[in-house]
Amino acid sequence: FGWRPRDIRFGLAMPPRMTLNNIIQIMA
């Protein structure tokens, strides 16, 4: 899998993770 800094910052690397920031984005 490619090294994708944007995905890593936002929790979409493997394994994926759901952060507080992501939850706030969803609410927005």
mmCIF file of all heavy atoms, coordinates in Angstrom:
data_MODEL
# 
_entry.id   MODEL 
# 
loop_
_atom_site.group_PDB 
_atom_site.id 
_atom_site.type_symbol 
_atom_site.label_atom_id 
_atom_site.label_alt_id 
_atom_site.label_comp_id 
_atom_site.label_asym_id 
_atom_site.label_entity_id 
_atom_site.label_seq_id 
_atom_site.pdbx_PDB_ins_code 
_atom_site.Cartn_x 
_atom_site.Cartn_y 
_atom_site.Cartn_z 
_atom_site.occupancy 
_atom_site.B_iso_or_equiv 
_atom_site.pdbx_formal_charge 
_atom_site.auth_seq_id 
_atom_site.auth_comp_id 
_atom_site.auth_asym_id 
_atom_site.auth_atom_id 
_atom_site.pdbx_PDB_model_num 
ATOM 1   N N   . PHE A 1 1  ? 0.837   -1.193 0.000  1.00 0.00 ? 1  PHE A N   1 
ATOM 2   C CA  . PHE A 1 1  ? 0.000   0.000  0.000  1.00 0.00 ? 1  PHE A CA  1 
ATOM 3   C C   . PHE A 1 1  ? 0.877   1.250  0.000  1.00 0.00 ? 1  PHE A C   1 
ATOM 4   O O   . PHE A 1 1  ? 1.915   1.304  0.653  1.00 0.00 ? 1  PHE A O   1 
ATOM 5   C CB  . PHE A 1 1  ? -0.930  0.014  1.218  1.00 0.00 ? 1  PHE A CB  1 
ATOM 6   C CG  . PHE A 1 1  ? -2.013  -1.021 1.157  1.00 0.00 ? 1  PHE A CG  1 
ATOM 7   C CD1 . PHE A 1 1  ? -2.027  -2.096 2.039  1.00 0.00 ? 1  PHE A CD1 1 
ATOM 8   C CD2 . PHE A 1 1  ? -3.019  -0.936 0.206  1.00 0.00 ? 1  PHE A CD2 1 
ATOM 9   C CE1 . PHE A 1 1  ? -3.032  -3.053 1.983  1.00 0.00 ? 1  PHE A CE1 1 
ATOM 10  C CE2 . PHE A 1 1  ? -4.027  -1.891 0.133  1.00 0.00 ? 1  PHE A CE2 1 
ATOM 11  C CZ  . PHE A 1 1  ? -4.029  -2.948 1.026  1.00 0.00 ? 1  PHE A CZ  1 
ATOM 12  N N   . GLY A 1 2  ? 0.453   2.274  -0.747 1.00 0.00 ? 2  GLY A N   1 
ATOM 13  C CA  . GLY A 1 2  ? 1.215   3.505  -0.839 1.00 0.00 ? 2  GLY A CA  1 
ATOM 14  C C   . GLY A 1 2  ? 1.301   4.239  0.494  1.00 0.00 ? 2  GLY A C   1 
ATOM 15  O O   . GLY A 1 2  ? 0.434   4.092  1.363  1.00 0.00 ? 2  GLY A O   1 
ATOM 16  N N   . TRP A 1 3  ? 2.360   5.047  0.649  1.00 0.00 ? 3  TRP A N   1 
ATOM 17  C CA  . TRP A 1 3  ? 2.522   5.870  1.857  1.00 0.00 ? 3  TRP A CA  1 
ATOM 18  C C   . TRP A 1 3  ? 1.812   7.195  1.602  1.00 0.00 ? 3  TRP A C   1 
ATOM 19  O O   . TRP A 1 3  ? 2.288   8.047  0.859  1.00 0.00 ? 3  TRP A O   1 
ATOM 20  C CB  . TRP A 1 3  ? 4.009   6.096  2.142  1.00 0.00 ? 3  TRP A CB  1 
ATOM 21  C CG  . TRP A 1 3  ? 4.243   6.820  3.437  1.00 0.00 ? 3  TRP A CG  1 
ATOM 22  C CD1 . TRP A 1 3  ? 4.583   8.124  3.605  1.00 0.00 ? 3  TRP A CD1 1 
ATOM 23  C CD2 . TRP A 1 3  ? 4.139   6.267  4.753  1.00 0.00 ? 3  TRP A CD2 1 
ATOM 24  N NE1 . TRP A 1 3  ? 4.710   8.432  4.946  1.00 0.00 ? 3  TRP A NE1 1 
ATOM 25  C CE2 . TRP A 1 3  ? 4.442   7.298  5.677  1.00 0.00 ? 3  TRP A CE2 1 
ATOM 26  C CE3 . TRP A 1 3  ? 3.836   4.996  5.255  1.00 0.00 ? 3  TRP A CE3 1 
ATOM 27  C CZ2 . TRP A 1 3  ? 4.444   7.113  7.051  1.00 0.00 ? 3  TRP A CZ2 1 
ATOM 28  C CZ3 . TRP A 1 3  ? 3.836   4.819  6.631  1.00 0.00 ? 3  TRP A CZ3 1 
ATOM 29  C CH2 . TRP A 1 3  ? 4.144   5.853  7.502  1.00 0.00 ? 3  TRP A CH2 1 
ATOM 30  N N   . ARG A 1 4  ? 0.641   7.338  2.217  1.00 0.00 ? 4  ARG A N   1 
ATOM 31  C CA  . ARG A 1 4  ? -0.242  8.459  1.909  1.00 0.00 ? 4  ARG A CA  1 
ATOM 32  C C   . ARG A 1 4  ? -0.457  9.322  3.154  1.00 0.00 ? 4  ARG A C   1 
ATOM 33  O O   . ARG A 1 4  ? -1.318  9.035  3.986  1.00 0.00 ? 4  ARG A O   1 
ATOM 34  C CB  . ARG A 1 4  ? -1.569  7.942  1.367  1.00 0.00 ? 4  ARG A CB  1 
ATOM 35  C CG  . ARG A 1 4  ? -1.381  7.099  0.109  1.00 0.00 ? 4  ARG A CG  1 
ATOM 36  C CD  . ARG A 1 4  ? -2.632  6.383  -0.326 1.00 0.00 ? 4  ARG A CD  1 
ATOM 37  N NE  . ARG A 1 4  ? -2.340  5.479  -1.439 1.00 0.00 ? 4  ARG A NE  1 
ATOM 38  C CZ  . ARG A 1 4  ? -3.164  4.527  -1.869 1.00 0.00 ? 4  ARG A CZ  1 
ATOM 39  N NH1 . ARG A 1 4  ? -4.340  4.358  -1.275 1.00 0.00 ? 4  ARG A NH1 1 
ATOM 40  N NH2 . ARG A 1 4  ? -2.816  3.747  -2.877 1.00 0.00 ? 4  ARG A NH2 1 
ATOM 41  N N   . PRO A 1 5  ? 0.341   10.383 3.301  1.00 0.00 ? 5  PRO A N   1 
ATOM 42  C CA  . PRO A 1 5  ? 0.272   11.212 4.508  1.00 0.00 ? 5  PRO A CA  1 
ATOM 43  C C   . PRO A 1 5  ? -1.118  11.762 4.791  1.00 0.00 ? 5  PRO A C   1 
ATOM 44  O O   . PRO A 1 5  ? -1.526  11.862 5.953  1.00 0.00 ? 5  PRO A O   1 
ATOM 45  C CB  . PRO A 1 5  ? 1.269   12.340 4.215  1.00 0.00 ? 5  PRO A CB  1 
ATOM 46  C CG  . PRO A 1 5  ? 2.271   11.724 3.286  1.00 0.00 ? 5  PRO A CG  1 
ATOM 47  C CD  . PRO A 1 5  ? 1.465   10.798 2.418  1.00 0.00 ? 5  PRO A CD  1 
ATOM 48  N N   . ARG A 1 6  ? -1.864  12.133 3.770  1.00 0.00 ? 6  ARG A N   1 
ATOM 49  C CA  . ARG A 1 6  ? -3.208  12.678 4.008  1.00 0.00 ? 6  ARG A CA  1 
ATOM 50  C C   . ARG A 1 6  ? -4.094  11.638 4.696  1.00 0.00 ? 6  ARG A C   1 
ATOM 51  O O   . ARG A 1 6  ? -4.841  11.947 5.624  1.00 0.00 ? 6  ARG A O   1 
ATOM 52  C CB  . ARG A 1 6  ? -3.850  13.105 2.685  1.00 0.00 ? 6  ARG A CB  1 
ATOM 53  C CG  . ARG A 1 6  ? -3.167  14.266 1.978  1.00 0.00 ? 6  ARG A CG  1 
ATOM 54  C CD  . ARG A 1 6  ? -4.157  14.903 1.012  1.00 0.00 ? 6  ARG A CD  1 
ATOM 55  N NE  . ARG A 1 6  ? -3.512  15.526 -0.130 1.00 0.00 ? 6  ARG A NE  1 
ATOM 56  C CZ  . ARG A 1 6  ? -4.173  16.135 -1.107 1.00 0.00 ? 6  ARG A CZ  1 
ATOM 57  N NH1 . ARG A 1 6  ? -5.502  16.170 -1.093 1.00 0.00 ? 6  ARG A NH1 1 
ATOM 58  N NH2 . ARG A 1 6  ? -3.537  16.692 -2.116 1.00 0.00 ? 6  ARG A NH2 1 
ATOM 59  N N   . ASP A 1 7  ? -4.031  10.400 4.222  1.00 0.00 ? 7  ASP A N   1 
ATOM 60  C CA  . ASP A 1 7  ? -4.839  9.337  4.824  1.00 0.00 ? 7  ASP A CA  1 
ATOM 61  C C   . ASP A 1 7  ? -4.420  9.084  6.265  1.00 0.00 ? 7  ASP A C   1 
ATOM 62  O O   . ASP A 1 7  ? -5.258  8.855  7.146  1.00 0.00 ? 7  ASP A O   1 
ATOM 63  C CB  . ASP A 1 7  ? -4.697  8.039  4.021  1.00 0.00 ? 7  ASP A CB  1 
ATOM 64  C CG  . ASP A 1 7  ? -5.307  8.139  2.628  1.00 0.00 ? 7  ASP A CG  1 
ATOM 65  O OD1 . ASP A 1 7  ? -5.896  9.184  2.311  1.00 0.00 ? 7  ASP A OD1 1 
ATOM 66  O OD2 . ASP A 1 7  ? -5.188  7.166  1.861  1.00 0.00 ? 7  ASP A OD2 1 
ATOM 67  N N   . ILE A 1 8  ? -3.123  9.101  6.495  1.00 0.00 ? 8  ILE A N   1 
ATOM 68  C CA  . ILE A 1 8  ? -2.615  8.842  7.845  1.00 0.00 ? 8  ILE A CA  1 
ATOM 69  C C   . ILE A 1 8  ? -3.087  9.927  8.811  1.00 0.00 ? 8  ILE A C   1 
ATOM 70  O O   . ILE A 1 8  ? -3.549  9.643  9.915  1.00 0.00 ? 8  ILE A O   1 
ATOM 71  C CB  . ILE A 1 8  ? -1.071  8.763  7.826  1.00 0.00 ? 8  ILE A CB  1 
ATOM 72  C CG1 . ILE A 1 8  ? -0.622  7.547  6.999  1.00 0.00 ? 8  ILE A CG1 1 
ATOM 73  C CG2 . ILE A 1 8  ? -0.522  8.664  9.252  1.00 0.00 ? 8  ILE A CG2 1 
ATOM 74  C CD1 . ILE A 1 8  ? 0.869   7.524  6.705  1.00 0.00 ? 8  ILE A CD1 1 
ATOM 75  N N   . ARG A 1 9  ? -3.014  11.184 8.375  1.00 0.00 ? 9  ARG A N   1 
ATOM 76  C CA  . ARG A 1 9  ? -3.438  12.290 9.234  1.00 0.00 ? 9  ARG A CA  1 
ATOM 77  C C   . ARG A 1 9  ? -4.918  12.194 9.609  1.00 0.00 ? 9  ARG A C   1 
ATOM 78  O O   . ARG A 1 9  ? -5.312  12.539 10.719 1.00 0.00 ? 9  ARG A O   1 
ATOM 79  C CB  . ARG A 1 9  ? -3.194  13.632 8.531  1.00 0.00 ? 9  ARG A CB  1 
ATOM 80  C CG  . ARG A 1 9  ? -1.744  13.997 8.345  1.00 0.00 ? 9  ARG A CG  1 
ATOM 81  C CD  . ARG A 1 9  ? -1.592  15.417 7.798  1.00 0.00 ? 9  ARG A CD  1 
ATOM 82  N NE  . ARG A 1 9  ? -0.290  15.592 7.181  1.00 0.00 ? 9  ARG A NE  1 
ATOM 83  C CZ  . ARG A 1 9  ? -0.075  15.646 5.870  1.00 0.00 ? 9  ARG A CZ  1 
ATOM 84  N NH1 . ARG A 1 9  ? -1.088  15.552 5.036  1.00 0.00 ? 9  ARG A NH1 1 
ATOM 85  N NH2 . ARG A 1 9  ? 1.140   15.812 5.403  1.00 0.00 ? 9  ARG A NH2 1 
ATOM 86  N N   . PHE A 1 10 ? -5.731  11.728 8.663  1.00 0.00 ? 10 PHE A N   1 
ATOM 87  C CA  . PHE A 1 10 ? -7.174  11.703 8.883  1.00 0.00 ? 10 PHE A CA  1 
ATOM 88  C C   . PHE A 1 10 ? -7.711  10.331 9.287  1.00 0.00 ? 10 PHE A C   1 
ATOM 89  O O   . PHE A 1 10 ? -8.911  10.094 9.286  1.00 0.00 ? 10 PHE A O   1 
ATOM 90  C CB  . PHE A 1 10 ? -7.898  12.211 7.626  1.00 0.00 ? 10 PHE A CB  1 
ATOM 91  C CG  . PHE A 1 10 ? -7.787  13.692 7.432  1.00 0.00 ? 10 PHE A CG  1 
ATOM 92  C CD1 . PHE A 1 10 ? -6.815  14.213 6.595  1.00 0.00 ? 10 PHE A CD1 1 
ATOM 93  C CD2 . PHE A 1 10 ? -8.618  14.563 8.106  1.00 0.00 ? 10 PHE A CD2 1 
ATOM 94  C CE1 . PHE A 1 10 ? -6.693  15.590 6.417  1.00 0.00 ? 10 PHE A CE1 1 
ATOM 95  C CE2 . PHE A 1 10 ? -8.508  15.934 7.934  1.00 0.00 ? 10 PHE A CE2 1 
ATOM 96  C CZ  . PHE A 1 10 ? -7.537  16.447 7.094  1.00 0.00 ? 10 PHE A CZ  1 
ATOM 97  N N   . GLY A 1 11 ? -6.800  9.405  9.614  1.00 0.00 ? 11 GLY A N   1 
ATOM 98  C CA  . GLY A 1 11 ? -7.243  8.131  10.173 1.00 0.00 ? 11 GLY A CA  1 
ATOM 99  C C   . GLY A 1 11 ? -7.696  7.108  9.169  1.00 0.00 ? 11 GLY A C   1 
ATOM 100 O O   . GLY A 1 11 ? -8.386  6.147  9.526  1.00 0.00 ? 11 GLY A O   1 
ATOM 101 N N   . LEU A 1 12 ? -7.290  7.246  7.895  1.00 0.00 ? 12 LEU A N   1 
ATOM 102 C CA  . LEU A 1 12 ? -7.729  6.287  6.877  1.00 0.00 ? 12 LEU A CA  1 
ATOM 103 C C   . LEU A 1 12 ? -6.598  5.387  6.409  1.00 0.00 ? 12 LEU A C   1 
ATOM 104 O O   . LEU A 1 12 ? -6.683  4.767  5.360  1.00 0.00 ? 12 LEU A O   1 
ATOM 105 C CB  . LEU A 1 12 ? -8.332  7.029  5.679  1.00 0.00 ? 12 LEU A CB  1 
ATOM 106 C CG  . LEU A 1 12 ? -9.711  7.625  5.953  1.00 0.00 ? 12 LEU A CG  1 
ATOM 107 C CD1 . LEU A 1 12 ? -10.172 8.453  4.771  1.00 0.00 ? 12 LEU A CD1 1 
ATOM 108 C CD2 . LEU A 1 12 ? -10.720 6.531  6.248  1.00 0.00 ? 12 LEU A CD2 1 
ATOM 109 N N   . ALA A 1 13 ? -5.536  5.298  7.195  1.00 0.00 ? 13 ALA A N   1 
ATOM 110 C CA  . ALA A 1 13 ? -4.494  4.320  6.908  1.00 0.00 ? 13 ALA A CA  1 
ATOM 111 C C   . ALA A 1 13 ? -4.976  2.958  7.384  1.00 0.00 ? 13 ALA A C   1 
ATOM 112 O O   . ALA A 1 13 ? -6.080  2.807  7.886  1.00 0.00 ? 13 ALA A O   1 
ATOM 113 C CB  . ALA A 1 13 ? -3.194  4.724  7.610  1.00 0.00 ? 13 ALA A CB  1 
ATOM 114 N N   . MET A 1 14 ? -4.152  1.929  7.171  1.00 0.00 ? 14 MET A N   1 
ATOM 115 C CA  . MET A 1 14 ? -4.478  0.606  7.683  1.00 0.00 ? 14 MET A CA  1 
ATOM 116 C C   . MET A 1 14 ? -3.613  0.320  8.903  1.00 0.00 ? 14 MET A C   1 
ATOM 117 O O   . MET A 1 14 ? -2.401  0.296  8.790  1.00 0.00 ? 14 MET A O   1 
ATOM 118 C CB  . MET A 1 14 ? -4.241  -0.463 6.609  1.00 0.00 ? 14 MET A CB  1 
ATOM 119 C CG  . MET A 1 14 ? -5.331  -0.489 5.550  1.00 0.00 ? 14 MET A CG  1 
ATOM 120 S SD  . MET A 1 14 ? -6.906  -0.943 6.288  1.00 0.00 ? 14 MET A SD  1 
ATOM 121 C CE  . MET A 1 14 ? -8.027  -0.663 4.914  1.00 0.00 ? 14 MET A CE  1 
ATOM 122 N N   . PRO A 1 15 ? -4.207  0.082  10.105 1.00 0.00 ? 15 PRO A N   1 
ATOM 123 C CA  . PRO A 1 15 ? -5.652  0.015  10.315 1.00 0.00 ? 15 PRO A CA  1 
ATOM 124 C C   . PRO A 1 15 ? -6.277  1.405  10.404 1.00 0.00 ? 15 PRO A C   1 
ATOM 125 O O   . PRO A 1 15 ? -5.642  2.344  10.873 1.00 0.00 ? 15 PRO A O   1 
ATOM 126 C CB  . PRO A 1 15 ? -5.765  -0.700 11.663 1.00 0.00 ? 15 PRO A CB  1 
ATOM 127 C CG  . PRO A 1 15 ? -4.505  -0.337 12.375 1.00 0.00 ? 15 PRO A CG  1 
ATOM 128 C CD  . PRO A 1 15 ? -3.437  -0.253 11.319 1.00 0.00 ? 15 PRO A CD  1 
ATOM 129 N N   . PRO A 1 16 ? -7.525  1.555  9.949  1.00 0.00 ? 16 PRO A N   1 
ATOM 130 C CA  . PRO A 1 16 ? -8.198  2.850  10.040 1.00 0.00 ? 16 PRO A CA  1 
ATOM 131 C C   . PRO A 1 16 ? -8.542  3.169  11.482 1.00 0.00 ? 16 PRO A C   1 
ATOM 132 O O   . PRO A 1 16 ? -8.645  2.293  12.323 1.00 0.00 ? 16 PRO A O   1 
ATOM 133 C CB  . PRO A 1 16 ? -9.461  2.641  9.195  1.00 0.00 ? 16 PRO A CB  1 
ATOM 134 C CG  . PRO A 1 16 ? -9.714  1.170  9.244  1.00 0.00 ? 16 PRO A CG  1 
ATOM 135 C CD  . PRO A 1 16 ? -8.381  0.523  9.345  1.00 0.00 ? 16 PRO A CD  1 
ATOM 136 N N   . ARG A 1 17 ? -8.720  4.453  11.775 1.00 0.00 ? 17 ARG A N   1 
ATOM 137 C CA  . ARG A 1 17 ? -9.103  4.845  13.122 1.00 0.00 ? 17 ARG A CA  1 
ATOM 138 C C   . ARG A 1 17 ? -10.063 6.023  13.034 1.00 0.00 ? 17 ARG A C   1 
ATOM 139 O O   . ARG A 1 17 ? -9.986  6.854  12.130 1.00 0.00 ? 17 ARG A O   1 
ATOM 140 C CB  . ARG A 1 17 ? -7.872  5.225  13.957 1.00 0.00 ? 17 ARG A CB  1 
ATOM 141 C CG  . ARG A 1 17 ? -7.031  6.309  13.321 1.00 0.00 ? 17 ARG A CG  1 
ATOM 142 C CD  . ARG A 1 17 ? -5.685  6.497  14.023 1.00 0.00 ? 17 ARG A CD  1 
ATOM 143 N NE  . ARG A 1 17 ? -4.820  7.394  13.284 1.00 0.00 ? 17 ARG A NE  1 
ATOM 144 C CZ  . ARG A 1 17 ? -4.854  8.713  13.370 1.00 0.00 ? 17 ARG A CZ  1 
ATOM 145 N NH1 . ARG A 1 17 ? -5.710  9.298  14.195 1.00 0.00 ? 17 ARG A NH1 1 
ATOM 146 N NH2 . ARG A 1 17 ? -4.044  9.466  12.665 1.00 0.00 ? 17 ARG A NH2 1 
ATOM 147 N N   . MET A 1 18 ? -11.002 6.085  13.950 1.00 0.00 ? 18 MET A N   1 
ATOM 148 C CA  . MET A 1 18 ? -11.956 7.187  14.012 1.00 0.00 ? 18 MET A CA  1 
ATOM 149 C C   . MET A 1 18 ? -11.535 8.123  15.135 1.00 0.00 ? 18 MET A C   1 
ATOM 150 O O   . MET A 1 18 ? -11.478 7.711  16.297 1.00 0.00 ? 18 MET A O   1 
ATOM 151 C CB  . MET A 1 18 ? -13.373 6.670  14.243 1.00 0.00 ? 18 MET A CB  1 
ATOM 152 C CG  . MET A 1 18 ? -14.430 7.767  14.222 1.00 0.00 ? 18 MET A CG  1 
ATOM 153 S SD  . MET A 1 18 ? -14.430 8.757  12.707 1.00 0.00 ? 18 MET A SD  1 
ATOM 154 C CE  . MET A 1 18 ? -14.937 7.529  11.498 1.00 0.00 ? 18 MET A CE  1 
ATOM 155 N N   . THR A 1 19 ? -11.183 9.341  14.779 1.00 0.00 ? 19 THR A N   1 
ATOM 156 C CA  . THR A 1 19 ? -10.712 10.314 15.753 1.00 0.00 ? 19 THR A CA  1 
ATOM 157 C C   . THR A 1 19 ? -11.827 11.302 16.096 1.00 0.00 ? 19 THR A C   1 
ATOM 158 O O   . THR A 1 19 ? -12.843 11.395 15.403 1.00 0.00 ? 19 THR A O   1 
ATOM 159 C CB  . THR A 1 19 ? -9.509  11.086 15.193 1.00 0.00 ? 19 THR A CB  1 
ATOM 160 O OG1 . THR A 1 19 ? -9.953  11.879 14.073 1.00 0.00 ? 19 THR A OG1 1 
ATOM 161 C CG2 . THR A 1 19 ? -8.410  10.140 14.742 1.00 0.00 ? 19 THR A CG2 1 
ATOM 162 N N   . LEU A 1 20 ? -11.597 12.060 17.161 1.00 0.00 ? 20 LEU A N   1 
ATOM 163 C CA  . LEU A 1 20 ? -12.539 13.112 17.533 1.00 0.00 ? 20 LEU A CA  1 
ATOM 164 C C   . LEU A 1 20 ? -12.693 14.119 16.388 1.00 0.00 ? 20 LEU A C   1 
ATOM 165 O O   . LEU A 1 20 ? -13.790 14.586 16.090 1.00 0.00 ? 20 LEU A O   1 
ATOM 166 C CB  . LEU A 1 20 ? -12.058 13.814 18.804 1.00 0.00 ? 20 LEU A CB  1 
ATOM 167 C CG  . LEU A 1 20 ? -12.913 15.011 19.279 1.00 0.00 ? 20 LEU A CG  1 
ATOM 168 C CD1 . LEU A 1 20 ? -14.336 14.566 19.585 1.00 0.00 ? 20 LEU A CD1 1 
ATOM 169 C CD2 . LEU A 1 20 ? -12.260 15.659 20.493 1.00 0.00 ? 20 LEU A CD2 1 
ATOM 170 N N   . ASN A 1 21 ? -11.578 14.411 15.729 1.00 0.00 ? 21 ASN A N   1 
ATOM 171 C CA  . ASN A 1 21 ? -11.608 15.344 14.606 1.00 0.00 ? 21 ASN A CA  1 
ATOM 172 C C   . ASN A 1 21 ? -12.516 14.817 13.490 1.00 0.00 ? 21 ASN A C   1 
ATOM 173 O O   . ASN A 1 21 ? -13.291 15.576 12.890 1.00 0.00 ? 21 ASN A O   1 
ATOM 174 C CB  . ASN A 1 21 ? -10.188 15.567 14.078 1.00 0.00 ? 21 ASN A CB  1 
ATOM 175 C CG  . ASN A 1 21 ? -10.145 16.631 12.987 1.00 0.00 ? 21 ASN A CG  1 
ATOM 176 O OD1 . ASN A 1 21 ? -10.905 17.589 13.001 1.00 0.00 ? 21 ASN A OD1 1 
ATOM 177 N ND2 . ASN A 1 21 ? -9.254  16.450 12.037 1.00 0.00 ? 21 ASN A ND2 1 
ATOM 178 N N   . ASN A 1 22 ? -12.432 13.520 13.201 1.00 0.00 ? 22 ASN A N   1 
ATOM 179 C CA  . ASN A 1 22 ? -13.282 12.930 12.170 1.00 0.00 ? 22 ASN A CA  1 
ATOM 180 C C   . ASN A 1 22 ? -14.761 13.028 12.549 1.00 0.00 ? 22 ASN A C   1 
ATOM 181 O O   . ASN A 1 22 ? -15.620 13.290 11.704 1.00 0.00 ? 22 ASN A O   1 
ATOM 182 C CB  . ASN A 1 22 ? -12.900 11.466 11.934 1.00 0.00 ? 22 ASN A CB  1 
ATOM 183 C CG  . ASN A 1 22 ? -11.561 11.320 11.231 1.00 0.00 ? 22 ASN A CG  1 
ATOM 184 O OD1 . ASN A 1 22 ? -10.956 12.311 10.821 1.00 0.00 ? 22 ASN A OD1 1 
ATOM 185 N ND2 . ASN A 1 22 ? -11.096 10.096 11.101 1.00 0.00 ? 22 ASN A ND2 1 
ATOM 186 N N   . ILE A 1 23 ? -15.043 12.789 13.816 1.00 0.00 ? 23 ILE A N   1 
ATOM 187 C CA  . ILE A 1 23 ? -16.435 12.863 14.285 1.00 0.00 ? 23 ILE A CA  1 
ATOM 188 C C   . ILE A 1 23 ? -16.967 14.296 14.136 1.00 0.00 ? 23 ILE A C   1 
ATOM 189 O O   . ILE A 1 23 ? -18.116 14.512 13.710 1.00 0.00 ? 23 ILE A O   1 
ATOM 190 C CB  . ILE A 1 23 ? -16.523 12.393 15.746 1.00 0.00 ? 23 ILE A CB  1 
ATOM 191 C CG1 . ILE A 1 23 ? -16.176 10.898 15.828 1.00 0.00 ? 23 ILE A CG1 1 
ATOM 192 C CG2 . ILE A 1 23 ? -17.916 12.650 16.315 1.00 0.00 ? 23 ILE A CG2 1 
ATOM 193 C CD1 . ILE A 1 23 ? -16.013 10.378 17.246 1.00 0.00 ? 23 ILE A CD1 1 
ATOM 194 N N   . ILE A 1 24 ? -16.131 15.264 14.445 1.00 0.00 ? 24 ILE A N   1 
ATOM 195 C CA  . ILE A 1 24 ? -16.533 16.667 14.281 1.00 0.00 ? 24 ILE A CA  1 
ATOM 196 C C   . ILE A 1 24 ? -16.799 16.977 12.807 1.00 0.00 ? 24 ILE A C   1 
ATOM 197 O O   . ILE A 1 24 ? -17.754 17.680 12.458 1.00 0.00 ? 24 ILE A O   1 
ATOM 198 C CB  . ILE A 1 24 ? -15.440 17.601 14.857 1.00 0.00 ? 24 ILE A CB  1 
ATOM 199 C CG1 . ILE A 1 24 ? -15.363 17.434 16.380 1.00 0.00 ? 24 ILE A CG1 1 
ATOM 200 C CG2 . ILE A 1 24 ? -15.723 19.063 14.482 1.00 0.00 ? 24 ILE A CG2 1 
ATOM 201 C CD1 . ILE A 1 24 ? -14.182 18.159 17.006 1.00 0.00 ? 24 ILE A CD1 1 
ATOM 202 N N   . GLN A 1 25 ? -15.955 16.433 11.932 1.00 0.00 ? 25 GLN A N   1 
ATOM 203 C CA  . GLN A 1 25 ? -16.150 16.644 10.495 1.00 0.00 ? 25 GLN A CA  1 
ATOM 204 C C   . GLN A 1 25 ? -17.498 16.077 10.028 1.00 0.00 ? 25 GLN A C   1 
ATOM 205 O O   . GLN A 1 25 ? -18.191 16.688 9.208  1.00 0.00 ? 25 GLN A O   1 
ATOM 206 C CB  . GLN A 1 25 ? -15.021 15.977 9.709  1.00 0.00 ? 25 GLN A CB  1 
ATOM 207 C CG  . GLN A 1 25 ? -13.663 16.616 9.866  1.00 0.00 ? 25 GLN A CG  1 
ATOM 208 C CD  . GLN A 1 25 ? -12.589 15.766 9.233  1.00 0.00 ? 25 GLN A CD  1 
ATOM 209 O OE1 . GLN A 1 25 ? -12.785 15.180 8.168  1.00 0.00 ? 25 GLN A OE1 1 
ATOM 210 N NE2 . GLN A 1 25 ? -11.441 15.670 9.878  1.00 0.00 ? 25 GLN A NE2 1 
ATOM 211 N N   . ILE A 1 26 ? -17.829 14.902 10.510 1.00 0.00 ? 26 ILE A N   1 
ATOM 212 C CA  . ILE A 1 26 ? -19.104 14.285 10.140 1.00 0.00 ? 26 ILE A CA  1 
ATOM 213 C C   . ILE A 1 26 ? -20.267 15.160 10.581 1.00 0.00 ? 26 ILE A C   1 
ATOM 214 O O   . ILE A 1 26 ? -21.219 15.395 9.829  1.00 0.00 ? 26 ILE A O   1 
ATOM 215 C CB  . ILE A 1 26 ? -19.208 12.879 10.761 1.00 0.00 ? 26 ILE A CB  1 
ATOM 216 C CG1 . ILE A 1 26 ? -18.194 11.927 10.097 1.00 0.00 ? 26 ILE A CG1 1 
ATOM 217 C CG2 . ILE A 1 26 ? -20.632 12.320 10.606 1.00 0.00 ? 26 ILE A CG2 1 
ATOM 218 C CD1 . ILE A 1 26 ? -18.092 10.574 10.780 1.00 0.00 ? 26 ILE A CD1 1 
ATOM 219 N N   . MET A 1 27 ? -20.180 15.686 11.811 1.00 0.00 ? 27 MET A N   1 
ATOM 220 C CA  . MET A 1 27 ? -21.249 16.538 12.334 1.00 0.00 ? 27 MET A CA  1 
ATOM 221 C C   . MET A 1 27 ? -21.389 17.829 11.513 1.00 0.00 ? 27 MET A C   1 
ATOM 222 O O   . MET A 1 27 ? -22.475 18.394 11.407 1.00 0.00 ? 27 MET A O   1 
ATOM 223 C CB  . MET A 1 27 ? -20.972 16.874 13.796 1.00 0.00 ? 27 MET A CB  1 
ATOM 224 C CG  . MET A 1 27 ? -21.033 15.659 14.719 1.00 0.00 ? 27 MET A CG  1 
ATOM 225 S SD  . MET A 1 27 ? -20.513 16.035 16.415 1.00 0.00 ? 27 MET A SD  1 
ATOM 226 C CE  . MET A 1 27 ? -21.779 17.221 16.904 1.00 0.00 ? 27 MET A CE  1 
ATOM 227 N N   . ALA A 1 28 ? -20.285 18.260 10.896 1.00 0.00 ? 28 ALA A N   1 
ATOM 228 C CA  . ALA A 1 28 ? -20.306 19.484 10.090 1.00 0.00 ? 28 ALA A CA  1 
ATOM 229 C C   . ALA A 1 28 ? -20.863 19.254 8.690  1.00 0.00 ? 28 ALA A C   1 
ATOM 230 O O   . ALA A 1 28 ? -21.055 20.215 7.932  1.00 0.00 ? 28 ALA A O   1 
ATOM 231 C CB  . ALA A 1 28 ? -18.897 20.065 9.991  1.00 0.00 ? 28 ALA A CB  1 
# 
